C-alpha atoms as a PDB file:
ATOM      1  CA  MET A   1       2.220 -17.078  10.560  1.00  0.00           C
ATOM      2  CA  GLY A   2       0.266 -14.713  12.809  1.00  0.00           C
ATOM      3  CA  THR A   3      -1.796 -11.584  12.348  1.00  0.00           C
ATOM      4  CA  ILE A   4       0.366  -8.488  11.914  1.00  0.00           C
ATOM      5  CA  LEU A   5      -2.470  -5.956  11.494  1.00  0.00           C
ATOM      6  CA  LYS A   6      -6.153  -5.978  12.364  1.00  0.00           C
ATOM      7  CA  THR A   7      -8.898  -3.380  12.043  1.00  0.00           C
ATOM      8  CA  ASN A   8     -11.858  -3.523  14.410  1.00  0.00           C
ATOM      9  CA  ASP A   9     -15.103  -1.916  13.178  1.00  0.00           C
ATOM     10  CA  LEU A  10     -13.007   0.837  11.585  1.00  0.00           C
ATOM     11  CA  THR A  11     -15.322   3.685  10.578  1.00  0.00           C
ATOM     12  CA  LYS A  12     -14.802   7.175   9.200  1.00  0.00           C
ATOM     13  CA  LYS A  13     -17.531   9.768   8.801  1.00  0.00           C
ATOM     14  CA  TYR A  14     -17.303  13.288   7.395  1.00  0.00           C
ATOM     15  CA  GLY A  15     -20.493  14.936   8.575  1.00  0.00           C
ATOM     16  CA  ASN A  16     -23.309  12.610   7.544  1.00  0.00           C
ATOM     17  CA  LYS A  17     -21.228  10.890   4.883  1.00  0.00           C
ATOM     18  CA  VAL A  18     -19.842   7.481   5.817  1.00  0.00           C
ATOM     19  CA  VAL A  19     -16.578   6.985   3.907  1.00  0.00           C
ATOM     20  CA  VAL A  20     -15.457   3.775   5.626  1.00  0.00           C
ATOM     21  CA  ASP A  21     -18.133   1.609   7.206  1.00  0.00           C
ATOM     22  CA  ASN A  22     -17.293  -0.855  10.027  1.00  0.00           C
ATOM     23  CA  LEU A  23     -14.217  -2.283   8.345  1.00  0.00           C
ATOM     24  CA  ASN A  24     -12.848  -5.524   9.771  1.00  0.00           C
ATOM     25  CA  LEU A  25      -9.641  -6.789   8.184  1.00  0.00           C
ATOM     26  CA  GLU A  26      -6.899  -9.158   9.293  1.00  0.00           C
ATOM     27  CA  ILE A  27      -3.547  -9.009   7.523  1.00  0.00           C
ATOM     28  CA  GLN A  28      -1.348 -12.058   8.029  1.00  0.00           C
ATOM     29  CA  GLU A  29       2.406 -11.755   8.464  1.00  0.00           C
ATOM     30  CA  GLY A  30       4.235 -12.463   5.214  1.00  0.00           C
ATOM     31  CA  GLU A  31       1.347 -12.000   2.789  1.00  0.00           C
ATOM     32  CA  VAL A  32       0.672  -9.508   0.017  1.00  0.00           C
ATOM     33  CA  PHE A  33      -2.842  -8.316   0.771  1.00  0.00           C
ATOM     34  CA  GLY A  34      -4.694  -6.486  -1.996  1.00  0.00           C
ATOM     35  CA  LEU A  35      -7.477  -3.965  -1.416  1.00  0.00           C
ATOM     36  CA  LEU A  36      -9.342  -3.642  -4.691  1.00  0.00           C
ATOM     37  CA  GLY A  37     -11.963  -1.016  -5.420  1.00  0.00           C
ATOM     38  CA  PRO A  38     -12.918   1.992  -7.552  1.00  0.00           C
ATOM     39  CA  ASN A  39     -11.946   5.572  -6.809  1.00  0.00           C
ATOM     40  CA  GLY A  40     -14.031   6.761  -3.873  1.00  0.00           C
ATOM     41  CA  ALA A  41     -14.427   3.289  -2.366  1.00  0.00           C
ATOM     42  CA  GLY A  42     -12.616   4.358   0.810  1.00  0.00           C
ATOM     43  CA  LYS A  43      -9.252   2.680   0.187  1.00  0.00           C
ATOM     44  CA  SER A  44      -7.018   5.707   0.813  1.00  0.00           C
ATOM     45  CA  THR A  45      -9.037   6.774   3.853  1.00  0.00           C
ATOM     46  CA  THR A  46      -8.583   3.270   5.247  1.00  0.00           C
ATOM     47  CA  MET A  47      -4.817   3.453   4.702  1.00  0.00           C
ATOM     48  CA  ASN A  48      -4.704   6.893   6.328  1.00  0.00           C
ATOM     49  CA  MET A  49      -6.479   5.526   9.399  1.00  0.00           C
ATOM     50  CA  ILE A  50      -4.205   2.476   9.554  1.00  0.00           C
ATOM     51  CA  THR A  51      -1.113   4.713   9.527  1.00  0.00           C
ATOM     52  CA  GLY A  52      -2.566   7.186  12.019  1.00  0.00           C
ATOM     53  CA  ILE A  53      -2.715  10.107   9.602  1.00  0.00           C
ATOM     54  CA  VAL A  54      -6.487  10.268  10.021  1.00  0.00           C
ATOM     55  CA  ASN A  55      -8.313   9.434  13.245  1.00  0.00           C
ATOM     56  CA  PRO A  56     -11.234   7.016  12.885  1.00  0.00           C
ATOM     57  CA  THR A  57     -14.698   8.082  13.945  1.00  0.00           C
ATOM     58  CA  LEU A  58     -15.194   4.636  15.464  1.00  0.00           C
ATOM     59  CA  GLY A  59     -13.119   1.506  15.844  1.00  0.00           C
ATOM     60  CA  ASN A  60      -9.392   0.979  16.120  1.00  0.00           C
ATOM     61  CA  VAL A  61      -6.310  -0.550  14.491  1.00  0.00           C
ATOM     62  CA  GLU A  62      -4.164  -3.245  16.106  1.00  0.00           C
ATOM     63  CA  PHE A  63      -0.564  -3.656  14.970  1.00  0.00           C
ATOM     64  CA  GLU A  64       1.306  -6.713  16.198  1.00  0.00           C
ATOM     65  CA  GLY A  65      -1.419  -7.203  18.800  1.00  0.00           C
ATOM     66  CA  LYS A  66      -1.233  -3.655  20.189  1.00  0.00           C
ATOM     67  CA  ASP A  67      -3.553  -0.681  19.777  1.00  0.00           C
ATOM     68  CA  PHE A  68      -1.706   1.362  17.162  1.00  0.00           C
ATOM     69  CA  LYS A  69      -2.940   4.762  18.335  1.00  0.00           C
ATOM     70  CA  LYS A  70      -1.945   4.124  21.962  1.00  0.00           C
ATOM     71  CA  ASN A  71       1.450   2.669  21.007  1.00  0.00           C
ATOM     72  CA  ARG A  72       2.220   4.710  17.894  1.00  0.00           C
ATOM     73  CA  LYS A  73       5.666   5.908  19.068  1.00  0.00           C
ATOM     74  CA  SER A  74       6.953   2.379  19.605  1.00  0.00           C
ATOM     75  CA  LEU A  75       5.319   0.902  16.481  1.00  0.00           C
ATOM     76  CA  ILE A  76       5.668   3.583  13.799  1.00  0.00           C
ATOM     77  CA  ASP A  77       9.201   2.551  12.799  1.00  0.00           C
ATOM     78  CA  LYS A  78       7.861  -0.879  11.810  1.00  0.00           C
ATOM     79  CA  LEU A  79       5.589   0.668   9.192  1.00  0.00           C
ATOM     80  CA  GLY A  80       6.437   2.017   5.734  1.00  0.00           C
ATOM     81  CA  TYR A  81       3.798   4.013   3.838  1.00  0.00           C
ATOM     82  CA  ILE A  82       3.942   4.839   0.131  1.00  0.00           C
ATOM     83  CA  PRO A  83       1.022   7.274  -0.367  1.00  0.00           C
ATOM     84  CA  GLN A  84      -0.942   7.790  -3.549  1.00  0.00           C
ATOM     85  CA  GLU A  85       0.180  11.419  -3.665  1.00  0.00           C
ATOM     86  CA  LEU A  86       3.934  11.862  -4.117  1.00  0.00           C
ATOM     87  CA  ALA A  87       5.658  12.727  -0.835  1.00  0.00           C
ATOM     88  CA  ILE A  88       8.932  13.925  -2.296  1.00  0.00           C
ATOM     89  CA  HIS A  89      10.487  17.375  -2.610  1.00  0.00           C
ATOM     90  CA  GLY A  90      11.360  18.474  -6.137  1.00  0.00           C
ATOM     91  CA  ASN A  91      14.047  20.919  -5.049  1.00  0.00           C
ATOM     92  CA  LEU A  92      15.939  18.256  -3.125  1.00  0.00           C
ATOM     93  CA  LYS A  93      18.291  15.744  -4.703  1.00  0.00           C
ATOM     94  CA  ALA A  94      17.315  12.084  -4.711  1.00  0.00           C
ATOM     95  CA  TRP A  95      19.626  11.216  -1.822  1.00  0.00           C
ATOM     96  CA  GLU A  96      18.446  14.249   0.156  1.00  0.00           C
ATOM     97  CA  ASN A  97      14.841  13.085  -0.139  1.00  0.00           C
ATOM     98  CA  VAL A  98      15.712   9.640   1.212  1.00  0.00           C
ATOM     99  CA  GLU A  99      17.873  11.193   3.940  1.00  0.00           C
ATOM    100  CA  LEU A 100      15.017  13.445   5.038  1.00  0.00           C
ATOM    101  CA  PHE A 101      12.534  10.632   5.552  1.00  0.00           C
ATOM    102  CA  THR A 102      14.932   7.974   6.850  1.00  0.00           C
ATOM    103  CA  SER A 103      16.432  10.311   9.456  1.00  0.00           C
ATOM    104  CA  LEU A 104      12.961  10.839  10.945  1.00  0.00           C
ATOM    105  CA  TYR A 105      13.336   7.374  12.484  1.00  0.00           C
ATOM    106  CA  GLY A 106      16.475   8.307  14.400  1.00  0.00           C
ATOM    107  CA  ILE A 107      18.907   6.781  11.907  1.00  0.00           C
ATOM    108  CA  LYS A 108      22.078   8.853  11.561  1.00  0.00           C
ATOM    109  CA  GLY A 109      25.748   8.888  10.668  1.00  0.00           C
ATOM    110  CA  ALA A 110      27.325   6.067   8.664  1.00  0.00           C
ATOM    111  CA  GLU A 111      24.215   3.916   9.005  1.00  0.00           C
ATOM    112  CA  LEU A 112      22.091   6.657   7.471  1.00  0.00           C
ATOM    113  CA  LYS A 113      24.431   6.975   4.478  1.00  0.00           C
ATOM    114  CA  GLU A 114      24.329   3.218   4.014  1.00  0.00           C
ATOM    115  CA  ARG A 115      20.523   3.139   4.146  1.00  0.00           C
ATOM    116  CA  ILE A 116      20.298   5.981   1.596  1.00  0.00           C
ATOM    117  CA  ASN A 117      22.479   4.176  -0.935  1.00  0.00           C
ATOM    118  CA  GLU A 118      20.768   0.869  -0.235  1.00  0.00           C
ATOM    119  CA  SER A 119      17.294   2.338  -0.819  1.00  0.00           C
ATOM    120  CA  LEU A 120      18.269   4.171  -4.006  1.00  0.00           C
ATOM    121  CA  GLU A 121      20.000   1.096  -5.388  1.00  0.00           C
ATOM    122  CA  TYR A 122      16.923  -0.995  -4.608  1.00  0.00           C
ATOM    123  CA  VAL A 123      14.695   1.228  -6.763  1.00  0.00           C
ATOM    124  CA  GLY A 124      17.283   1.635  -9.528  1.00  0.00           C
ATOM    125  CA  LEU A 125      18.141   5.276  -8.830  1.00  0.00           C
ATOM    126  CA  LEU A 126      21.596   5.074  -7.276  1.00  0.00           C
ATOM    127  CA  GLU A 127      23.254   6.551 -10.368  1.00  0.00           C
ATOM    128  CA  ARG A 128      20.796   9.465 -10.192  1.00  0.00           C
ATOM    129  CA  ARG A 129      21.365  10.120  -6.488  1.00  0.00           C
ATOM    130  CA  ASN A 130      22.692  13.662  -7.092  1.00  0.00           C
ATOM    131  CA  ASP A 131      19.924  14.716  -9.477  1.00  0.00           C
ATOM    132  CA  PHE A 132      17.055  16.906  -8.297  1.00  0.00           C
ATOM    133  CA  ALA A 133      13.749  15.082  -7.948  1.00  0.00           C
ATOM    134  CA  LYS A 134      11.967  17.664 -10.116  1.00  0.00           C
ATOM    135  CA  THR A 135      14.007  16.475 -13.119  1.00  0.00           C
ATOM    136  CA  PHE A 136      12.712  12.900 -12.808  1.00  0.00           C
ATOM    137  CA  SER A 137      10.029  11.304 -14.959  1.00  0.00           C
ATOM    138  CA  GLY A 138       6.730  10.247 -13.382  1.00  0.00           C
ATOM    139  CA  GLY A 139       7.887   6.656 -12.998  1.00  0.00           C
ATOM    140  CA  MET A 140      11.189   7.694 -11.424  1.00  0.00           C
ATOM    141  CA  LYS A 141       9.367   9.923  -8.934  1.00  0.00           C
ATOM    142  CA  ARG A 142       7.205   6.954  -7.959  1.00  0.00           C
ATOM    143  CA  ARG A 143      10.324   4.873  -7.423  1.00  0.00           C
ATOM    144  CA  LEU A 144      11.916   7.619  -5.320  1.00  0.00           C
ATOM    145  CA  ASN A 145       8.699   7.743  -3.311  1.00  0.00           C
ATOM    146  CA  ILE A 146       9.240   4.069  -2.486  1.00  0.00           C
ATOM    147  CA  ALA A 147      12.908   4.622  -1.586  1.00  0.00           C
ATOM    148  CA  CYS A 148      11.860   7.250   0.942  1.00  0.00           C
ATOM    149  CA  ALA A 149       9.567   4.752   2.679  1.00  0.00           C
ATOM    150  CA  ILE A 150      11.889   1.768   2.993  1.00  0.00           C
ATOM    151  CA  GLY A 151      15.104   3.246   4.426  1.00  0.00           C
ATOM    152  CA  HIS A 152      14.160   2.350   8.012  1.00  0.00           C
ATOM    153  CA  HIS A 153      13.532  -1.333   7.107  1.00  0.00           C
ATOM    154  CA  PRO A 154       9.818  -1.587   8.024  1.00  0.00           C
ATOM    155  CA  ASP A 155       8.060  -4.899   8.675  1.00  0.00           C
ATOM    156  CA  LEU A 156       4.845  -3.763   6.956  1.00  0.00           C
ATOM    157  CA  LEU A 157       4.792  -1.870   3.646  1.00  0.00           C
ATOM    158  CA  ILE A 158       1.622  -0.101   2.548  1.00  0.00           C
ATOM    159  CA  PHE A 159       1.370   0.841  -1.135  1.00  0.00           C
ATOM    160  CA  ASP A 160      -1.583   3.102  -1.950  1.00  0.00           C
ATOM    161  CA  GLU A 161      -2.066   2.929  -5.742  1.00  0.00           C
ATOM    162  CA  PRO A 162       1.669   3.395  -6.494  1.00  0.00           C
ATOM    163  CA  THR A 163       1.377   2.865 -10.268  1.00  0.00           C
ATOM    164  CA  VAL A 164      -1.240   5.480 -11.135  1.00  0.00           C
ATOM    165  CA  GLY A 165      -0.304   7.502 -14.211  1.00  0.00           C
ATOM    166  CA  ILE A 166       3.036   5.873 -15.020  1.00  0.00           C
ATOM    167  CA  ASP A 167       4.386   3.994 -18.025  1.00  0.00           C
ATOM    168  CA  PRO A 168       4.168   0.171 -18.298  1.00  0.00           C
ATOM    169  CA  GLN A 169       7.909  -0.331 -17.802  1.00  0.00           C
ATOM    170  CA  SER A 170       7.926   1.607 -14.530  1.00  0.00           C
ATOM    171  CA  ARG A 171       4.770  -0.198 -13.435  1.00  0.00           C
ATOM    172  CA  ASN A 172       6.352  -3.602 -14.007  1.00  0.00           C
ATOM    173  CA  PHE A 173       9.489  -2.492 -12.163  1.00  0.00           C
ATOM    174  CA  ILE A 174       7.462  -1.428  -9.116  1.00  0.00           C
ATOM    175  CA  LEU A 175       5.417  -4.639  -9.090  1.00  0.00           C
ATOM    176  CA  ASP A 176       8.588  -6.730  -9.303  1.00  0.00           C
ATOM    177  CA  LYS A 177      10.096  -4.794  -6.399  1.00  0.00           C
ATOM    178  CA  ILE A 178       6.984  -5.352  -4.296  1.00  0.00           C
ATOM    179  CA  LYS A 179       7.248  -9.089  -4.878  1.00  0.00           C
ATOM    180  CA  GLU A 180      10.948  -8.930  -4.053  1.00  0.00           C
ATOM    181  CA  SER A 181      10.273  -7.020  -0.813  1.00  0.00           C
ATOM    182  CA  ASN A 182       7.750  -9.664   0.163  1.00  0.00           C
ATOM    183  CA  LYS A 183      10.233 -12.475  -0.535  1.00  0.00           C
ATOM    184  CA  ASN A 184      12.731 -10.624   1.658  1.00  0.00           C
ATOM    185  CA  GLY A 185      10.314 -10.749   4.594  1.00  0.00           C
ATOM    186  CA  SER A 186       8.076  -7.677   4.336  1.00  0.00           C
ATOM    187  CA  THR A 187       4.322  -7.963   4.687  1.00  0.00           C
ATOM    188  CA  VAL A 188       2.568  -5.828   2.046  1.00  0.00           C
ATOM    189  CA  ILE A 189      -0.800  -4.109   1.766  1.00  0.00           C
ATOM    190  CA  TYR A 190      -1.478  -3.014  -1.799  1.00  0.00           C
ATOM    191  CA  THR A 191      -4.443  -0.871  -2.855  1.00  0.00           C
ATOM    192  CA  SER A 192      -5.416  -0.512  -6.497  1.00  0.00           C
ATOM    193  CA  HIS A 193      -8.215  -0.324  -9.014  1.00  0.00           C
ATOM    194  CA  TYR A 194      -6.160  -2.251 -11.566  1.00  0.00           C
ATOM    195  CA  MET A 195      -7.413  -5.842 -11.663  1.00  0.00           C
ATOM    196  CA  GLU A 196      -4.348  -7.285 -13.362  1.00  0.00           C
ATOM    197  CA  GLU A 197      -1.957  -5.834 -10.771  1.00  0.00           C
ATOM    198  CA  VAL A 198      -3.839  -7.195  -7.799  1.00  0.00           C
ATOM    199  CA  GLU A 199      -4.241 -10.600  -9.407  1.00  0.00           C
ATOM    200  CA  ALA A 200      -0.531 -10.730 -10.336  1.00  0.00           C
ATOM    201  CA  ILE A 201       1.038  -9.960  -6.952  1.00  0.00           C
ATOM    202  CA  CYS A 202      -1.502 -10.475  -4.163  1.00  0.00           C
ATOM    203  CA  THR A 203      -1.863 -13.650  -2.155  1.00  0.00           C
ATOM    204  CA  ARG A 204      -5.240 -12.512  -0.815  1.00  0.00           C
ATOM    205  CA  ILE A 205      -7.687  -9.852  -1.988  1.00  0.00           C
ATOM    206  CA  ALA A 206     -10.520  -7.827  -0.441  1.00  0.00           C
ATOM    207  CA  ILE A 207     -13.068  -6.152  -2.712  1.00  0.00           C
ATOM    208  CA  MET A 208     -14.183  -2.767  -1.360  1.00  0.00           C
ATOM    209  CA  ASP A 209     -17.072  -0.600  -2.517  1.00  0.00           C
ATOM    210  CA  ASN A 210     -18.893   2.307  -0.858  1.00  0.00           C
ATOM    211  CA  GLY A 211     -16.740   2.003   2.255  1.00  0.00           C
ATOM    212  CA  LYS A 212     -17.513  -1.664   2.842  1.00  0.00           C
ATOM    213  CA  ILE A 213     -15.708  -4.952   2.260  1.00  0.00           C
ATOM    214  CA  ILE A 214     -17.876  -7.063  -0.029  1.00  0.00           C
ATOM    215  CA  ALA A 215     -15.728 -10.181  -0.174  1.00  0.00           C
ATOM    216  CA  THR A 216     -12.271 -11.460   0.818  1.00  0.00           C
ATOM    217  CA  GLY A 217     -10.235 -14.396  -0.428  1.00  0.00           C
ATOM    218  CA  THR A 218      -7.637 -15.523  -2.908  1.00  0.00           C
ATOM    219  CA  SER A 219      -8.235 -14.735  -6.563  1.00  0.00           C
ATOM    220  CA  GLU A 220      -9.458 -18.283  -7.147  1.00  0.00           C
ATOM    221  CA  GLU A 221     -11.702 -18.215  -4.058  1.00  0.00           C
ATOM    222  CA  LEU A 222     -13.316 -14.974  -5.195  1.00  0.00           C
ATOM    223  CA  LYS A 223     -13.949 -16.414  -8.647  1.00  0.00           C
ATOM    224  CA  LYS A 224     -15.513 -19.507  -7.110  1.00  0.00           C
ATOM    225  CA  MET A 225     -17.930 -17.356  -5.113  1.00  0.00           C
ATOM    226  CA  VAL A 226     -19.468 -16.184  -8.377  1.00  0.00           C
ATOM    227  CA  LYS A 227     -19.642 -19.354 -10.478  1.00  0.00           C
ATOM    228  CA  ASP A 228     -18.481 -22.818  -9.515  1.00  0.00           C
ATOM    229  CA  ASP A 229     -18.800 -24.208 -13.014  1.00  0.00           C
ATOM    230  CA  ILE A 230     -16.709 -21.689 -14.980  1.00  0.00           C
ATOM    231  CA  SER A 231     -12.949 -21.867 -14.542  1.00  0.00           C
ATOM    232  CA  THR A 232     -12.118 -19.018 -16.917  1.00  0.00           C
ATOM    233  CA  ILE A 233     -14.037 -16.273 -15.119  1.00  0.00           C
ATOM    234  CA  THR A 234     -11.938 -13.141 -14.595  1.00  0.00           C
ATOM    235  CA  LEU A 235     -11.530 -10.962 -11.524  1.00  0.00           C
ATOM    236  CA  GLU A 236     -13.173  -8.182 -13.527  1.00  0.00           C
ATOM    237  CA  GLU A 237     -16.299 -10.340 -13.852  1.00  0.00           C
ATOM    238  CA  VAL A 238     -16.219 -11.080 -10.119  1.00  0.00           C
ATOM    239  CA  PHE A 239     -16.182  -7.353  -9.343  1.00  0.00           C
ATOM    240  CA  LEU A 240     -19.013  -6.675 -11.799  1.00  0.00           C
ATOM    241  CA  ASN A 241     -21.103  -9.480 -10.312  1.00  0.00           C
ATOM    242  CA  MET A 242     -20.625  -8.263  -6.733  1.00  0.00           C
ATOM    243  CA  THR A 243     -20.957  -4.508  -7.272  1.00  0.00           C
ATOM    244  CA  GLY A 244     -22.851  -4.086 -10.519  1.00  0.00           C
ATOM    245  CA  LYS A 245     -20.001  -1.878 -11.740  1.00  0.00           C
ATOM    246  CA  LYS A 246     -17.290  -2.169 -14.355  1.00  0.00           C
ATOM    247  CA  LEU A 247     -14.151  -1.165 -12.517  1.00  0.00           C
ATOM    248  CA  ARG A 248     -12.264  -0.047 -15.632  1.00  0.00           C
ATOM    249  CA  ASP A 249     -14.983   2.497 -16.393  1.00  0.00           C
ATOM    250  CA  LEU A 250     -14.732   4.154 -12.957  1.00  0.00           C
END
């Protein structure tokens, strides 16, 4: 299992404000990598730089061993991005939303129709394919958001806080689908400020605060960094120990 994505001293500044500070991450092929941190930690800015939406002030991103910015045209179809903000159109039907995004990757004709149905079925919306997105509940919109990002069969899926503001049932559905996607061969990057989500689905976790990575490891490794003699310590306590903050209060 090799490295699928690597960031090298990735930095983003807006004026004098450093939002992401010399970030060095390595994502291994086949893992579910969690980026855990409070709002304002720099998680979304990091994801935007990884996907090329935002240019870094310093540093670069390597995808499958190649500079992503220099090789974006040949690499972009291997990446699927589910942003924190919904990227769907309310006045389009569910299938039209998936068609719009999937066709951007050059998929057309019978294959496009097959990918649309496949994606909608995967997120449990096939029976609602002819309904307008604006009629969907918050959880259904989140699921449609995912369908729009997976139609081109990407190798790497990036989920930027996909469960914010939705009901528990929809949240569990999305988490189950992420685990299923991973079992089917997709590498996943998952950002969140929900401890229980990251601990439930991620094989490895990085704790981020004030634009910096404080620690990286499995859930058990992170807990061991704090106290070797307490086996019942929670990830919440790890975060509090390392940052001095209670994540749930942020």
